[in-house]
Amino acid sequence: MYELTVESQFDSAHNLRRHEGPCENLHGHTYRVHICYQGPDLDGLGVLVDFKRLKTALGEVVSYLDHRYLNELPEFQEQNPTAENIARVIFEQMRERLGGGISKVTVWETPTSAASYWE
């Protein structure tokens, strides 16, 4: 099995509804996003998938989230925009763009705290 990883980042604000603490207040993060793509076979060039394709898809997803108040997005009307839920939304949007292959999405909310989503 082969695995590729690409990374990006975006800046957004959010607040966690019903959180008993300072995160209930509006605040922002510079999120780092790691995308893992897996597959068993390489093409004739010895490539699983072109990094440019992964980076382009991730760039589209990140641009949708960048400099936004996440709570206002349709994906977060019912659920809080936690790092866990952001990772799931990115996973789903990447899968829509690339089909199979996305194996895991990790979202770093701070330099020392991350949440991952995979199926």
PDB file of N, CA and C in Angstrom:
ATOM      1  N   MET A   1       0.862  -1.182   0.000  1.00  0.00           N
ATOM      2  CA  MET A   1       0.000   0.000   0.000  1.00  0.00           C
ATOM      3  C   MET A   1       0.900   1.234   0.000  1.00  0.00           C
ATOM      4  N   TYR A   2       0.487   2.222  -0.771  1.00  0.00           N
ATOM      5  CA  TYR A   2       1.199   3.498  -0.836  1.00  0.00           C
ATOM      6  C   TYR A   2       0.340   4.569  -0.181  1.00  0.00           C
ATOM      7  N   GLU A   3       0.997   5.577   0.381  1.00  0.00           N
ATOM      8  CA  GLU A   3       0.268   6.688   0.987  1.00  0.00           C
ATOM      9  C   GLU A   3       0.986   7.989   0.674  1.00  0.00           C
ATOM     10  N   LEU A   4       0.215   8.979   0.230  1.00  0.00           N
ATOM     11  CA  LEU A   4       0.715  10.322  -0.007  1.00  0.00           C
ATOM     12  C   LEU A   4       0.083  11.261   1.006  1.00  0.00           C
ATOM     13  N   THR A   5       0.813  12.302   1.364  1.00  0.00           N
ATOM     14  CA  THR A   5       0.295  13.304   2.286  1.00  0.00           C
ATOM     15  C   THR A   5       0.558  14.691   1.717  1.00  0.00           C
ATOM     16  N   VAL A   6      -0.456  15.536   1.747  1.00  0.00           N
ATOM     17  CA  VAL A   6      -0.294  16.945   1.414  1.00  0.00           C
ATOM     18  C   VAL A   6      -0.843  17.765   2.570  1.00  0.00           C
ATOM     19  N   GLU A   7      -0.386  18.992   2.657  1.00  0.00           N
ATOM     20  CA  GLU A   7      -0.737  19.854   3.774  1.00  0.00           C
ATOM     21  C   GLU A   7      -1.106  21.234   3.262  1.00  0.00           C
ATOM     22  N   SER A   8      -2.002  21.879   3.979  1.00  0.00           N
ATOM     23  CA  SER A   8      -2.371  23.256   3.698  1.00  0.00           C
ATOM     24  C   SER A   8      -2.776  23.904   5.014  1.00  0.00           C
ATOM     25  N   GLN A   9      -3.164  25.156   4.949  1.00  0.00           N
ATOM     26  CA  GLN A   9      -3.667  25.817   6.147  1.00  0.00           C
ATOM     27  C   GLN A   9      -4.687  26.873   5.757  1.00  0.00           C
ATOM     28  N   PHE A  10      -5.493  27.254   6.731  1.00  0.00           N
ATOM     29  CA  PHE A  10      -6.467  28.317   6.525  1.00  0.00           C
ATOM     30  C   PHE A  10      -6.748  28.985   7.861  1.00  0.00           C
ATOM     31  N   ASP A  11      -7.243  30.202   7.790  1.00  0.00           N
ATOM     32  CA  ASP A  11      -7.612  30.972   8.975  1.00  0.00           C
ATOM     33  C   ASP A  11      -9.122  31.129   9.006  1.00  0.00           C
ATOM     34  N   SER A  12      -9.721  30.834  10.140  1.00  0.00           N
ATOM     35  CA  SER A  12     -11.163  30.974  10.304  1.00  0.00           C
ATOM     36  C   SER A  12     -11.484  31.275  11.759  1.00  0.00           C
ATOM     37  N   ALA A  13     -12.697  31.773  11.946  1.00  0.00           N
ATOM     38  CA  ALA A  13     -13.203  32.018  13.294  1.00  0.00           C
ATOM     39  C   ALA A  13     -14.376  31.080  13.553  1.00  0.00           C
ATOM     40  N   HIS A  14     -14.604  30.811  14.819  1.00  0.00           N
ATOM     41  CA  HIS A  14     -15.756  30.006  15.228  1.00  0.00           C
ATOM     42  C   HIS A  14     -16.029  30.234  16.694  1.00  0.00           C
ATOM     43  N   ASN A  15     -17.136  29.710  17.144  1.00  0.00           N
ATOM     44  CA  ASN A  15     -17.394  29.582  18.572  1.00  0.00           C
ATOM     45  C   ASN A  15     -18.129  28.273  18.767  1.00  0.00           C
ATOM     46  N   LEU A  16     -17.951  27.693  19.913  1.00  0.00           N
ATOM     47  CA  LEU A  16     -18.562  26.392  20.216  1.00  0.00           C
ATOM     48  C   LEU A  16     -19.808  26.624  21.064  1.00  0.00           C
ATOM     49  N   ARG A  17     -20.943  26.464  20.426  1.00  0.00           N
ATOM     50  CA  ARG A  17     -22.216  26.664  21.113  1.00  0.00           C
ATOM     51  C   ARG A  17     -22.340  25.674  22.273  1.00  0.00           C
ATOM     52  N   ARG A  18     -22.863  26.156  23.366  1.00  0.00           N
ATOM     53  CA  ARG A  18     -23.118  25.358  24.579  1.00  0.00           C
ATOM     54  C   ARG A  18     -21.843  24.861  25.262  1.00  0.00           C
ATOM     55  N   HIS A  19     -20.695  25.378  24.890  1.00  0.00           N
ATOM     56  CA  HIS A  19     -19.438  25.009  25.548  1.00  0.00           C
ATOM     57  C   HIS A  19     -19.326  25.817  26.837  1.00  0.00           C
ATOM     58  N   GLU A  20     -19.006  25.150  27.914  1.00  0.00           N
ATOM     59  CA  GLU A  20     -18.874  25.842  29.189  1.00  0.00           C
ATOM     60  C   GLU A  20     -17.423  26.248  29.387  1.00  0.00           C
ATOM     61  N   GLY A  21     -17.054  27.325  28.762  1.00  0.00           N
ATOM     62  CA  GLY A  21     -15.682  27.807  28.854  1.00  0.00           C
ATOM     63  C   GLY A  21     -15.430  28.874  27.811  1.00  0.00           C
ATOM     64  N   PRO A  22     -14.187  29.304  27.703  1.00  0.00           N
ATOM     65  CA  PRO A  22     -13.877  30.423  26.800  1.00  0.00           C
ATOM     66  C   PRO A  22     -14.114  30.121  25.321  1.00  0.00           C
ATOM     67  N   CYS A  23     -14.155  28.868  24.937  1.00  0.00           N
ATOM     68  CA  CYS A  23     -14.365  28.536  23.518  1.00  0.00           C
ATOM     69  C   CYS A  23     -15.795  28.808  23.061  1.00  0.00           C
ATOM     70  N   GLU A  24     -16.691  29.139  24.010  1.00  0.00           N
ATOM     71  CA  GLU A  24     -18.035  29.546  23.608  1.00  0.00           C
ATOM     72  C   GLU A  24     -18.003  30.939  22.977  1.00  0.00           C
ATOM     73  N   ASN A  25     -16.979  31.701  23.290  1.00  0.00           N
ATOM     74  CA  ASN A  25     -16.808  33.033  22.709  1.00  0.00           C
ATOM     75  C   ASN A  25     -16.199  32.929  21.312  1.00  0.00           C
ATOM     76  N   LEU A  26     -16.488  33.909  20.496  1.00  0.00           N
ATOM     77  CA  LEU A  26     -15.916  33.985  19.163  1.00  0.00           C
ATOM     78  C   LEU A  26     -14.392  34.076  19.253  1.00  0.00           C
ATOM     79  N   HIS A  27     -13.705  33.207  18.501  1.00  0.00           N
ATOM     80  CA  HIS A  27     -12.244  33.212  18.465  1.00  0.00           C
ATOM     81  C   HIS A  27     -11.785  32.579  17.157  1.00  0.00           C
ATOM     82  N   GLY A  28     -10.529  32.754  16.832  1.00  0.00           N
ATOM     83  CA  GLY A  28     -10.028  32.249  15.562  1.00  0.00           C
ATOM     84  C   GLY A  28      -8.831  31.344  15.718  1.00  0.00           C
ATOM     85  N   HIS A  29      -8.529  30.635  14.624  1.00  0.00           N
ATOM     86  CA  HIS A  29      -7.395  29.723  14.571  1.00  0.00           C
ATOM     87  C   HIS A  29      -6.752  29.806  13.195  1.00  0.00           C
ATOM     88  N   THR A  30      -5.489  29.486  13.152  1.00  0.00           N
ATOM     89  CA  THR A  30      -4.829  29.145  11.902  1.00  0.00           C
ATOM     90  C   THR A  30      -4.771  27.629  11.891  1.00  0.00           C
ATOM     91  N   TYR A  31      -5.668  27.016  11.122  1.00  0.00           N
ATOM     92  CA  TYR A  31      -5.773  25.565  11.055  1.00  0.00           C
ATOM     93  C   TYR A  31      -4.754  25.015  10.056  1.00  0.00           C
ATOM     94  N   ARG A  32      -4.097  23.933  10.424  1.00  0.00           N
ATOM     95  CA  ARG A  32      -3.264  23.161   9.490  1.00  0.00           C
ATOM     96  C   ARG A  32      -4.027  21.894   9.144  1.00  0.00           C
ATOM     97  N   VAL A  33      -4.003  21.525   7.869  1.00  0.00           N
ATOM     98  CA  VAL A  33      -4.746  20.361   7.402  1.00  0.00           C
ATOM     99  C   VAL A  33      -3.792  19.405   6.713  1.00  0.00           C
ATOM    100  N   HIS A  34      -3.805  18.142   7.133  1.00  0.00           N
ATOM    101  CA  HIS A  34      -3.040  17.069   6.489  1.00  0.00           C
ATOM    102  C   HIS A  34      -4.037  16.121   5.835  1.00  0.00           C
ATOM    103  N   ILE A  35      -3.814  15.836   4.555  1.00  0.00           N
ATOM    104  CA  ILE A  35      -4.651  14.895   3.818  1.00  0.00           C
ATOM    105  C   ILE A  35      -3.800  13.683   3.468  1.00  0.00           C
ATOM    106  N   CYS A  36      -4.292  12.491   3.768  1.00  0.00           N
ATOM    107  CA  CYS A  36      -3.609  11.250   3.384  1.00  0.00           C
ATOM    108  C   CYS A  36      -4.424  10.567   2.295  1.00  0.00           C
ATOM    109  N   TYR A  37      -3.728  10.125   1.274  1.00  0.00           N
ATOM    110  CA  TYR A  37      -4.338   9.445   0.127  1.00  0.00           C
ATOM    111  C   TYR A  37      -3.635   8.108  -0.022  1.00  0.00           C
ATOM    112  N   GLN A  38      -4.394   6.998  -0.061  1.00  0.00           N
ATOM    113  CA  GLN A  38      -3.808   5.659  -0.130  1.00  0.00           C
ATOM    114  C   GLN A  38      -4.278   4.904  -1.359  1.00  0.00           C
ATOM    115  N   GLY A  39      -3.431   3.993  -1.794  1.00  0.00           N
ATOM    116  CA  GLY A  39      -3.798   3.093  -2.876  1.00  0.00           C
ATOM    117  C   GLY A  39      -2.751   2.015  -3.050  1.00  0.00           C
ATOM    118  N   PRO A  40      -3.136   0.868  -3.615  1.00  0.00           N
ATOM    119  CA  PRO A  40      -2.211  -0.254  -3.747  1.00  0.00           C
ATOM    120  C   PRO A  40      -1.368  -0.228  -5.023  1.00  0.00           C
ATOM    121  N   ASP A  41      -1.782   0.560  -6.013  1.00  0.00           N
ATOM    122  CA  ASP A  41      -1.133   0.462  -7.326  1.00  0.00           C
ATOM    123  C   ASP A  41      -0.638   1.810  -7.819  1.00  0.00           C
ATOM    124  N   LEU A  42       0.517   1.785  -8.472  1.00  0.00           N
ATOM    125  CA  LEU A  42       1.073   2.972  -9.109  1.00  0.00           C
ATOM    126  C   LEU A  42       0.763   2.926 -10.596  1.00  0.00           C
ATOM    127  N   ASP A  43       0.721   4.096 -11.215  1.00  0.00           N
ATOM    128  CA  ASP A  43       0.490   4.124 -12.661  1.00  0.00           C
ATOM    129  C   ASP A  43       1.795   3.828 -13.398  1.00  0.00           C
ATOM    130  N   GLY A  44       1.772   3.940 -14.722  1.00  0.00           N
ATOM    131  CA  GLY A  44       2.941   3.633 -15.537  1.00  0.00           C
ATOM    132  C   GLY A  44       4.138   4.510 -15.258  1.00  0.00           C
ATOM    133  N   LEU A  45       3.907   5.680 -14.660  1.00  0.00           N
ATOM    134  CA  LEU A  45       5.010   6.573 -14.296  1.00  0.00           C
ATOM    135  C   LEU A  45       5.568   6.271 -12.909  1.00  0.00           C
ATOM    136  N   GLY A  46       4.900   5.369 -12.197  1.00  0.00           N
ATOM    137  CA  GLY A  46       5.313   5.080 -10.818  1.00  0.00           C
ATOM    138  C   GLY A  46       4.692   6.042  -9.823  1.00  0.00           C
ATOM    139  N   VAL A  47       3.501   6.568 -10.167  1.00  0.00           N
ATOM    140  CA  VAL A  47       2.828   7.570  -9.344  1.00  0.00           C
ATOM    141  C   VAL A  47       1.482   7.020  -8.872  1.00  0.00           C
ATOM    142  N   LEU A  48       1.182   7.208  -7.607  1.00  0.00           N
ATOM    143  CA  LEU A  48      -0.133   6.830  -7.076  1.00  0.00           C
ATOM    144  C   LEU A  48      -1.189   7.808  -7.587  1.00  0.00           C
ATOM    145  N   VAL A  49      -0.984   9.074  -7.355  1.00  0.00           N
ATOM    146  CA  VAL A  49      -1.802  10.177  -7.878  1.00  0.00           C
ATOM    147  C   VAL A  49      -0.895  11.394  -7.889  1.00  0.00           C
ATOM    148  N   ASP A  50      -1.066  12.250  -8.859  1.00  0.00           N
ATOM    149  CA  ASP A  50      -0.214  13.430  -8.979  1.00  0.00           C
ATOM    150  C   ASP A  50      -0.430  14.348  -7.769  1.00  0.00           C
ATOM    151  N   PHE A  51       0.664  14.772  -7.141  1.00  0.00           N
ATOM    152  CA  PHE A  51       0.556  15.687  -6.001  1.00  0.00           C
ATOM    153  C   PHE A  51      -0.227  16.937  -6.390  1.00  0.00           C
ATOM    154  N   LYS A  52      -0.064  17.400  -7.621  1.00  0.00           N
ATOM    155  CA  LYS A  52      -0.762  18.607  -8.067  1.00  0.00           C
ATOM    156  C   LYS A  52      -2.277  18.415  -7.974  1.00  0.00           C
ATOM    157  N   ARG A  53      -2.761  17.237  -8.319  1.00  0.00           N
ATOM    158  CA  ARG A  53      -4.199  16.949  -8.228  1.00  0.00           C
ATOM    159  C   ARG A  53      -4.674  17.023  -6.782  1.00  0.00           C
ATOM    160  N   LEU A  54      -3.894  16.447  -5.862  1.00  0.00           N
ATOM    161  CA  LEU A  54      -4.254  16.498  -4.440  1.00  0.00           C
ATOM    162  C   LEU A  54      -4.242  17.934  -3.928  1.00  0.00           C
ATOM    163  N   LYS A  55      -3.193  18.673  -4.285  1.00  0.00           N
ATOM    164  CA  LYS A  55      -3.064  20.051  -3.808  1.00  0.00           C
ATOM    165  C   LYS A  55      -4.156  20.945  -4.378  1.00  0.00           C
ATOM    166  N   THR A  56      -4.532  20.726  -5.626  1.00  0.00           N
ATOM    167  CA  THR A  56      -5.603  21.522  -6.232  1.00  0.00           C
ATOM    168  C   THR A  56      -6.919  21.276  -5.515  1.00  0.00           C
ATOM    169  N   ALA A  57      -7.260  20.013  -5.283  1.00  0.00           N
ATOM    170  CA  ALA A  57      -8.506  19.678  -4.584  1.00  0.00           C
ATOM    171  C   ALA A  57      -8.499  20.249  -3.173  1.00  0.00           C
ATOM    172  N   LEU A  58      -7.391  20.100  -2.471  1.00  0.00           N
ATOM    173  CA  LEU A  58      -7.302  20.633  -1.111  1.00  0.00           C
ATOM    174  C   LEU A  58      -7.393  22.149  -1.130  1.00  0.00           C
ATOM    175  N   GLY A  59      -6.789  22.791  -2.103  1.00  0.00           N
ATOM    176  CA  GLY A  59      -6.871  24.245  -2.221  1.00  0.00           C
ATOM    177  C   GLY A  59      -8.303  24.725  -2.382  1.00  0.00           C
ATOM    178  N   GLU A  60      -9.109  23.996  -3.159  1.00  0.00           N
ATOM    179  CA  GLU A  60     -10.518  24.346  -3.336  1.00  0.00           C
ATOM    180  C   GLU A  60     -11.277  24.246  -2.019  1.00  0.00           C
ATOM    181  N   VAL A  61     -11.033  23.175  -1.286  1.00  0.00           N
ATOM    182  CA  VAL A  61     -11.721  22.970  -0.009  1.00  0.00           C
ATOM    183  C   VAL A  61     -11.300  24.033   0.996  1.00  0.00           C
ATOM    184  N   VAL A  62     -10.015  24.281   1.084  1.00  0.00           N
ATOM    185  CA  VAL A  62      -9.496  25.257   2.039  1.00  0.00           C
ATOM    186  C   VAL A  62      -9.992  26.669   1.704  1.00  0.00           C
ATOM    187  N   SER A  63     -10.070  27.003   0.416  1.00  0.00           N
ATOM    188  CA  SER A  63     -10.533  28.349   0.054  1.00  0.00           C
ATOM    189  C   SER A  63     -11.989  28.566   0.475  1.00  0.00           C
ATOM    190  N   TYR A  64     -12.782  27.489   0.505  1.00  0.00           N
ATOM    191  CA  TYR A  64     -14.166  27.574   0.974  1.00  0.00           C
ATOM    192  C   TYR A  64     -14.222  27.911   2.466  1.00  0.00           C
ATOM    193  N   LEU A  65     -13.251  27.443   3.245  1.00  0.00           N
ATOM    194  CA  LEU A  65     -13.243  27.637   4.697  1.00  0.00           C
ATOM    195  C   LEU A  65     -12.445  28.862   5.139  1.00  0.00           C
ATOM    196  N   ASP A  66     -11.553  29.330   4.295  1.00  0.00           N
ATOM    197  CA  ASP A  66     -10.596  30.377   4.675  1.00  0.00           C
ATOM    198  C   ASP A  66     -11.280  31.723   4.916  1.00  0.00           C
ATOM    199  N   HIS A  67     -10.896  32.354   6.019  1.00  0.00           N
ATOM    200  CA  HIS A  67     -11.388  33.668   6.411  1.00  0.00           C
ATOM    201  C   HIS A  67     -12.913  33.714   6.466  1.00  0.00           C
ATOM    202  N   ARG A  68     -13.470  32.677   7.052  1.00  0.00           N
ATOM    203  CA  ARG A  68     -14.920  32.577   7.220  1.00  0.00           C
ATOM    204  C   ARG A  68     -15.240  32.427   8.702  1.00  0.00           C
ATOM    205  N   TYR A  69     -16.446  32.797   9.043  1.00  0.00           N
ATOM    206  CA  TYR A  69     -17.013  32.481  10.348  1.00  0.00           C
ATOM    207  C   TYR A  69     -17.692  31.135  10.169  1.00  0.00           C
ATOM    208  N   LEU A  70     -17.050  30.078  10.631  1.00  0.00           N
ATOM    209  CA  LEU A  70     -17.473  28.712  10.320  1.00  0.00           C
ATOM    210  C   LEU A  70     -18.895  28.405  10.765  1.00  0.00           C
ATOM    211  N   ASN A  71     -19.333  29.000  11.856  1.00  0.00           N
ATOM    212  CA  ASN A  71     -20.677  28.741  12.357  1.00  0.00           C
ATOM    213  C   ASN A  71     -21.759  29.116  11.344  1.00  0.00           C
ATOM    214  N   GLU A  72     -21.464  30.008  10.423  1.00  0.00           N
ATOM    215  CA  GLU A  72     -22.451  30.447   9.437  1.00  0.00           C
ATOM    216  C   GLU A  72     -22.546  29.521   8.226  1.00  0.00           C
ATOM    217  N   LEU A  73     -21.608  28.601   8.066  1.00  0.00           N
ATOM    218  CA  LEU A  73     -21.635  27.696   6.921  1.00  0.00           C
ATOM    219  C   LEU A  73     -22.716  26.638   7.114  1.00  0.00           C
ATOM    220  N   PRO A  74     -23.334  26.178   6.030  1.00  0.00           N
ATOM    221  CA  PRO A  74     -24.401  25.167   6.150  1.00  0.00           C
ATOM    222  C   PRO A  74     -23.951  23.899   6.874  1.00  0.00           C
ATOM    223  N   GLU A  75     -22.706  23.512   6.697  1.00  0.00           N
ATOM    224  CA  GLU A  75     -22.192  22.277   7.321  1.00  0.00           C
ATOM    225  C   GLU A  75     -22.174  22.354   8.845  1.00  0.00           C
ATOM    226  N   PHE A  76     -22.209  23.579   9.398  1.00  0.00           N
ATOM    227  CA  PHE A  76     -22.087  23.734  10.847  1.00  0.00           C
ATOM    228  C   PHE A  76     -23.303  24.419  11.468  1.00  0.00           C
ATOM    229  N   GLN A  77     -24.441  24.340  10.787  1.00  0.00           N
ATOM    230  CA  GLN A  77     -25.657  24.911  11.357  1.00  0.00           C
ATOM    231  C   GLN A  77     -26.179  24.066  12.518  1.00  0.00           C
ATOM    232  N   GLU A  78     -26.047  22.760  12.408  1.00  0.00           N
ATOM    233  CA  GLU A  78     -26.549  21.855  13.444  1.00  0.00           C
ATOM    234  C   GLU A  78     -25.441  21.378  14.381  1.00  0.00           C
ATOM    235  N   GLN A  79     -24.230  21.229  13.853  1.00  0.00           N
ATOM    236  CA  GLN A  79     -23.109  20.721  14.643  1.00  0.00           C
ATOM    237  C   GLN A  79     -22.076  21.830  14.843  1.00  0.00           C
ATOM    238  N   ASN A  80     -21.429  21.809  15.981  1.00  0.00           N
ATOM    239  CA  ASN A  80     -20.383  22.776  16.247  1.00  0.00           C
ATOM    240  C   ASN A  80     -19.216  22.586  15.281  1.00  0.00           C
ATOM    241  N   PRO A  81     -18.573  23.671  14.875  1.00  0.00           N
ATOM    242  CA  PRO A  81     -17.387  23.571  14.030  1.00  0.00           C
ATOM    243  C   PRO A  81     -16.141  23.234  14.854  1.00  0.00           C
ATOM    244  N   THR A  82     -16.174  22.069  15.466  1.00  0.00           N
ATOM    245  CA  THR A  82     -15.019  21.578  16.221  1.00  0.00           C
ATOM    246  C   THR A  82     -13.966  21.076  15.238  1.00  0.00           C
ATOM    247  N   ALA A  83     -12.762  20.876  15.703  1.00  0.00           N
ATOM    248  CA  ALA A  83     -11.714  20.315  14.845  1.00  0.00           C
ATOM    249  C   ALA A  83     -12.152  18.953  14.302  1.00  0.00           C
ATOM    250  N   GLU A  84     -12.850  18.173  15.124  1.00  0.00           N
ATOM    251  CA  GLU A  84     -13.331  16.863  14.692  1.00  0.00           C
ATOM    252  C   GLU A  84     -14.300  16.989  13.518  1.00  0.00           C
ATOM    253  N   ASN A  85     -15.270  17.897  13.639  1.00  0.00           N
ATOM    254  CA  ASN A  85     -16.259  18.069  12.576  1.00  0.00           C
ATOM    255  C   ASN A  85     -15.654  18.733  11.340  1.00  0.00           C
ATOM    256  N   ILE A  86     -14.707  19.628  11.527  1.00  0.00           N
ATOM    257  CA  ILE A  86     -14.023  20.236  10.384  1.00  0.00           C
ATOM    258  C   ILE A  86     -13.267  19.157   9.611  1.00  0.00           C
ATOM    259  N   ALA A  87     -12.599  18.250  10.314  1.00  0.00           N
ATOM    260  CA  ALA A  87     -11.874  17.158   9.652  1.00  0.00           C
ATOM    261  C   ALA A  87     -12.832  16.295   8.840  1.00  0.00           C
ATOM    262  N   ARG A  88     -14.012  15.997   9.382  1.00  0.00           N
ATOM    263  CA  ARG A  88     -15.003  15.190   8.659  1.00  0.00           C
ATOM    264  C   ARG A  88     -15.496  15.915   7.411  1.00  0.00           C
ATOM    265  N   VAL A  89     -15.794  17.194   7.530  1.00  0.00           N
ATOM    266  CA  VAL A  89     -16.275  17.971   6.384  1.00  0.00           C
ATOM    267  C   VAL A  89     -15.212  18.009   5.295  1.00  0.00           C
ATOM    268  N   ILE A  90     -13.961  18.227   5.660  1.00  0.00           N
ATOM    269  CA  ILE A  90     -12.882  18.249   4.671  1.00  0.00           C
ATOM    270  C   ILE A  90     -12.744  16.877   4.017  1.00  0.00           C
ATOM    271  N   PHE A  91     -12.808  15.808   4.804  1.00  0.00           N
ATOM    272  CA  PHE A  91     -12.743  14.448   4.271  1.00  0.00           C
ATOM    273  C   PHE A  91     -13.835  14.248   3.215  1.00  0.00           C
ATOM    274  N   GLU A  92     -15.067  14.612   3.551  1.00  0.00           N
ATOM    275  CA  GLU A  92     -16.189  14.413   2.634  1.00  0.00           C
ATOM    276  C   GLU A  92     -16.022  15.242   1.361  1.00  0.00           C
ATOM    277  N   GLN A  93     -15.588  16.483   1.508  1.00  0.00           N
ATOM    278  CA  GLN A  93     -15.407  17.332   0.325  1.00  0.00           C
ATOM    279  C   GLN A  93     -14.247  16.852  -0.549  1.00  0.00           C
ATOM    280  N   MET A  94     -13.199  16.349   0.063  1.00  0.00           N
ATOM    281  CA  MET A  94     -12.079  15.797  -0.716  1.00  0.00           C
ATOM    282  C   MET A  94     -12.519  14.538  -1.453  1.00  0.00           C
ATOM    283  N   ARG A  95     -13.292  13.696  -0.798  1.00  0.00           N
ATOM    284  CA  ARG A  95     -13.781  12.470  -1.433  1.00  0.00           C
ATOM    285  C   ARG A  95     -14.677  12.799  -2.628  1.00  0.00           C
ATOM    286  N   GLU A  96     -15.494  13.851  -2.507  1.00  0.00           N
ATOM    287  CA  GLU A  96     -16.328  14.278  -3.638  1.00  0.00           C
ATOM    288  C   GLU A  96     -15.475  14.679  -4.836  1.00  0.00           C
ATOM    289  N   ARG A  97     -14.359  15.335  -4.578  1.00  0.00           N
ATOM    290  CA  ARG A  97     -13.509  15.824  -5.654  1.00  0.00           C
ATOM    291  C   ARG A  97     -12.633  14.732  -6.269  1.00  0.00           C
ATOM    292  N   LEU A  98     -12.200  13.778  -5.444  1.00  0.00           N
ATOM    293  CA  LEU A  98     -11.210  12.799  -5.899  1.00  0.00           C
ATOM    294  C   LEU A  98     -11.757  11.380  -6.018  1.00  0.00           C
ATOM    295  N   GLY A  99     -12.953  11.142  -5.558  1.00  0.00           N
ATOM    296  CA  GLY A  99     -13.446   9.769  -5.510  1.00  0.00           C
ATOM    297  C   GLY A  99     -12.776   9.051  -4.354  1.00  0.00           C
ATOM    298  N   GLY A 100     -12.419   7.800  -4.546  1.00  0.00           N
ATOM    299  CA  GLY A 100     -11.754   7.035  -3.487  1.00  0.00           C
ATOM    300  C   GLY A 100     -10.337   7.508  -3.254  1.00  0.00           C
ATOM    301  N   GLY A 101      -9.711   6.901  -2.302  1.00  0.00           N
ATOM    302  CA  GLY A 101      -8.306   7.158  -2.039  1.00  0.00           C
ATOM    303  C   GLY A 101      -8.031   7.974  -0.796  1.00  0.00           C
ATOM    304  N   ILE A 102      -8.945   8.881  -0.432  1.00  0.00           N
ATOM    305  CA  ILE A 102      -8.710   9.672   0.774  1.00  0.00           C
ATOM    306  C   ILE A 102      -8.825   8.732   1.967  1.00  0.00           C
ATOM    307  N   SER A 103      -7.754   8.633   2.726  1.00  0.00           N
ATOM    308  CA  SER A 103      -7.755   7.690   3.847  1.00  0.00           C
ATOM    309  C   SER A 103      -7.886   8.370   5.203  1.00  0.00           C
ATOM    310  N   LYS A 104      -7.404   9.609   5.305  1.00  0.00           N
ATOM    311  CA  LYS A 104      -7.493  10.280   6.604  1.00  0.00           C
ATOM    312  C   LYS A 104      -7.274  11.774   6.414  1.00  0.00           C
ATOM    313  N   VAL A 105      -7.986  12.554   7.221  1.00  0.00           N
ATOM    314  CA  VAL A 105      -7.796  14.001   7.282  1.00  0.00           C
ATOM    315  C   VAL A 105      -7.507  14.359   8.728  1.00  0.00           C
ATOM    316  N   THR A 106      -6.441  15.115   8.931  1.00  0.00           N
ATOM    317  CA  THR A 106      -6.105  15.608  10.266  1.00  0.00           C
ATOM    318  C   THR A 106      -6.122  17.125  10.237  1.00  0.00           C
ATOM    319  N   VAL A 107      -6.797  17.720  11.213  1.00  0.00           N
ATOM    320  CA  VAL A 107      -6.891  19.169  11.341  1.00  0.00           C
ATOM    321  C   VAL A 107      -6.213  19.572  12.639  1.00  0.00           C
ATOM    322  N   TRP A 108      -5.192  20.403  12.522  1.00  0.00           N
ATOM    323  CA  TRP A 108      -4.470  20.940  13.677  1.00  0.00           C
ATOM    324  C   TRP A 108      -5.084  22.293  14.020  1.00  0.00           C
ATOM    325  N   GLU A 109      -5.661  22.380  15.213  1.00  0.00           N
ATOM    326  CA  GLU A 109      -6.270  23.626  15.677  1.00  0.00           C
ATOM    327  C   GLU A 109      -5.215  24.536  16.310  1.00  0.00           C
ATOM    328  N   THR A 110      -4.241  23.922  16.934  1.00  0.00           N
ATOM    329  CA  THR A 110      -3.093  24.634  17.509  1.00  0.00           C
ATOM    330  C   THR A 110      -1.855  23.807  17.152  1.00  0.00           C
ATOM    331  N   PRO A 111      -0.669  24.327  17.398  1.00  0.00           N
ATOM    332  CA  PRO A 111       0.523  23.538  17.102  1.00  0.00           C
ATOM    333  C   PRO A 111       0.617  22.222  17.869  1.00  0.00           C
ATOM    334  N   THR A 112      -0.156  22.082  18.953  1.00  0.00           N
ATOM    335  CA  THR A 112      -0.054  20.868  19.765  1.00  0.00           C
ATOM    336  C   THR A 112      -1.354  20.080  19.875  1.00  0.00           C
ATOM    337  N   SER A 113      -2.410  20.487  19.130  1.00  0.00           N
ATOM    338  CA  SER A 113      -3.708  19.818  19.262  1.00  0.00           C
ATOM    339  C   SER A 113      -4.319  19.566  17.884  1.00  0.00           C
ATOM    340  N   ALA A 114      -4.652  18.300  17.627  1.00  0.00           N
ATOM    341  CA  ALA A 114      -5.204  17.928  16.319  1.00  0.00           C
ATOM    342  C   ALA A 114      -6.322  16.908  16.494  1.00  0.00           C
ATOM    343  N   ALA A 115      -7.194  16.861  15.481  1.00  0.00           N
ATOM    344  CA  ALA A 115      -8.254  15.856  15.413  1.00  0.00           C
ATOM    345  C   ALA A 115      -8.203  15.244  14.019  1.00  0.00           C
ATOM    346  N   SER A 116      -8.468  13.939  13.924  1.00  0.00           N
ATOM    347  CA  SER A 116      -8.446  13.236  12.644  1.00  0.00           C
ATOM    348  C   SER A 116      -9.784  12.572  12.393  1.00  0.00           C
ATOM    349  N   TYR A 117     -10.080  12.407  11.094  1.00  0.00           N
ATOM    350  CA  TYR A 117     -11.261  11.670  10.675  1.00  0.00           C
ATOM    351  C   TYR A 117     -10.867  10.735   9.545  1.00  0.00           C
ATOM    352  N   TRP A 118     -11.359   9.484   9.615  1.00  0.00           N
ATOM    353  CA  TRP A 118     -11.178   8.495   8.546  1.00  0.00           C
ATOM    354  C   TRP A 118     -12.330   7.514   8.624  1.00  0.00           C
ATOM    355  N   GLU A 119     -12.515   6.766   7.562  1.00  0.00           N
ATOM    356  CA  GLU A 119     -13.566   5.747   7.541  1.00  0.00           C
ATOM    357  C   GLU A 119     -12.936   4.379   7.371  1.00  0.00           C
TER     358      GLU A 119
END
